[in-house]
Amino acid sequence: MDELQKIIKSICDDFADINALLVARSRELDRRELFDKEIETEIKNIKKNSHENS
């Protein structure tokens, strides 16, 4: 029974590690999406200002 508990704990620890990696990757992707939107907005503003100044 002790061996089974160790195996179950090991599996739970592995899942916790995987979950932590997925959470970190999700945050990274969210930041990337936000960055892409900010850059897109800046590019649009530059283009708009360029056309207004021409």
C-alpha atoms as a PDB file:
ATOM      1  CA  MET A   1       0.000   0.000   0.000  1.00  0.00           C
ATOM      2  CA  ASP A   2       2.868   2.359   0.796  1.00  0.00           C
ATOM      3  CA  GLU A   3       4.265   1.833  -2.705  1.00  0.00           C
ATOM      4  CA  LEU A   4       0.902   2.728  -4.245  1.00  0.00           C
ATOM      5  CA  GLN A   5       0.758   5.950  -2.214  1.00  0.00           C
ATOM      6  CA  LYS A   6       4.238   6.899  -3.421  1.00  0.00           C
ATOM      7  CA  ILE A   7       3.234   6.275  -7.037  1.00  0.00           C
ATOM      8  CA  ILE A   8       0.049   8.323  -6.656  1.00  0.00           C
ATOM      9  CA  LYS A   9       1.977  11.175  -5.003  1.00  0.00           C
ATOM     10  CA  SER A  10       4.538  11.085  -7.807  1.00  0.00           C
ATOM     11  CA  ILE A  11       1.793  11.261 -10.432  1.00  0.00           C
ATOM     12  CA  CYS A  12       0.122  14.158  -8.600  1.00  0.00           C
ATOM     13  CA  ASP A  13       3.453  15.980  -8.386  1.00  0.00           C
ATOM     14  CA  ASP A  14       3.981  15.460 -12.118  1.00  0.00           C
ATOM     15  CA  PHE A  15       0.535  16.845 -12.868  1.00  0.00           C
ATOM     16  CA  ALA A  16       1.208  19.839 -10.623  1.00  0.00           C
ATOM     17  CA  ASP A  17       4.439  20.530 -12.521  1.00  0.00           C
ATOM     18  CA  ILE A  18       2.666  20.218 -15.862  1.00  0.00           C
ATOM     19  CA  ASN A  19      -0.097  22.532 -14.659  1.00  0.00           C
ATOM     20  CA  ALA A  20       2.447  25.134 -13.522  1.00  0.00           C
ATOM     21  CA  LEU A  21       4.102  25.035 -16.954  1.00  0.00           C
ATOM     22  CA  LEU A  22       0.757  25.410 -18.708  1.00  0.00           C
ATOM     23  CA  VAL A  23      -0.214  28.361 -16.511  1.00  0.00           C
ATOM     24  CA  ALA A  24       3.105  30.081 -17.212  1.00  0.00           C
ATOM     25  CA  ARG A  25       2.750  29.457 -20.959  1.00  0.00           C
ATOM     26  CA  SER A  26      -0.810  30.787 -20.905  1.00  0.00           C
ATOM     27  CA  ARG A  27       0.344  34.005 -19.203  1.00  0.00           C
ATOM     28  CA  GLU A  28       3.138  34.303 -21.753  1.00  0.00           C
ATOM     29  CA  LEU A  29       0.676  33.938 -24.625  1.00  0.00           C
ATOM     30  CA  ASP A  30      -1.674  36.497 -23.043  1.00  0.00           C
ATOM     31  CA  ARG A  31       1.184  39.000 -22.755  1.00  0.00           C
ATOM     32  CA  ARG A  32       2.188  38.309 -26.360  1.00  0.00           C
ATOM     33  CA  GLU A  33      -1.370  38.893 -27.564  1.00  0.00           C
ATOM     34  CA  LEU A  34      -1.573  42.165 -25.623  1.00  0.00           C
ATOM     35  CA  PHE A  35       1.815  43.250 -27.011  1.00  0.00           C
ATOM     36  CA  ASP A  36       0.703  42.436 -30.571  1.00  0.00           C
ATOM     37  CA  LYS A  37      -2.463  44.521 -30.117  1.00  0.00           C
ATOM     38  CA  GLU A  38      -0.479  47.445 -28.714  1.00  0.00           C
ATOM     39  CA  ILE A  39       1.963  47.311 -31.626  1.00  0.00           C
ATOM     40  CA  GLU A  40      -0.912  47.106 -34.111  1.00  0.00           C
ATOM     41  CA  THR A  41      -2.478  50.202 -32.551  1.00  0.00           C
ATOM     42  CA  GLU A  42       0.840  52.076 -32.679  1.00  0.00           C
ATOM     43  CA  ILE A  43       1.330  51.175 -36.346  1.00  0.00           C
ATOM     44  CA  LYS A  44      -2.189  52.376 -37.174  1.00  0.00           C
ATOM     45  CA  ASN A  45      -1.528  55.652 -35.343  1.00  0.00           C
ATOM     46  CA  ILE A  46       1.755  56.174 -37.178  1.00  0.00           C
ATOM     47  CA  LYS A  47       0.083  55.507 -40.532  1.00  0.00           C
ATOM     48  CA  LYS A  48      -2.808  57.823 -39.656  1.00  0.00           C
ATOM     49  CA  ASN A  49      -0.435  60.599 -38.580  1.00  0.00           C
ATOM     50  CA  SER A  50       1.675  60.089 -41.671  1.00  0.00           C
ATOM     51  CA  HIS A  51      -1.345  60.498 -43.953  1.00  0.00           C
ATOM     52  CA  GLU A  52      -2.549  63.561 -42.039  1.00  0.00           C
ATOM     53  CA  ASN A  53       0.869  65.208 -42.339  1.00  0.00           C
ATOM     54  CA  SER A  54       1.193  64.503 -46.066  1.00  0.00           C
END
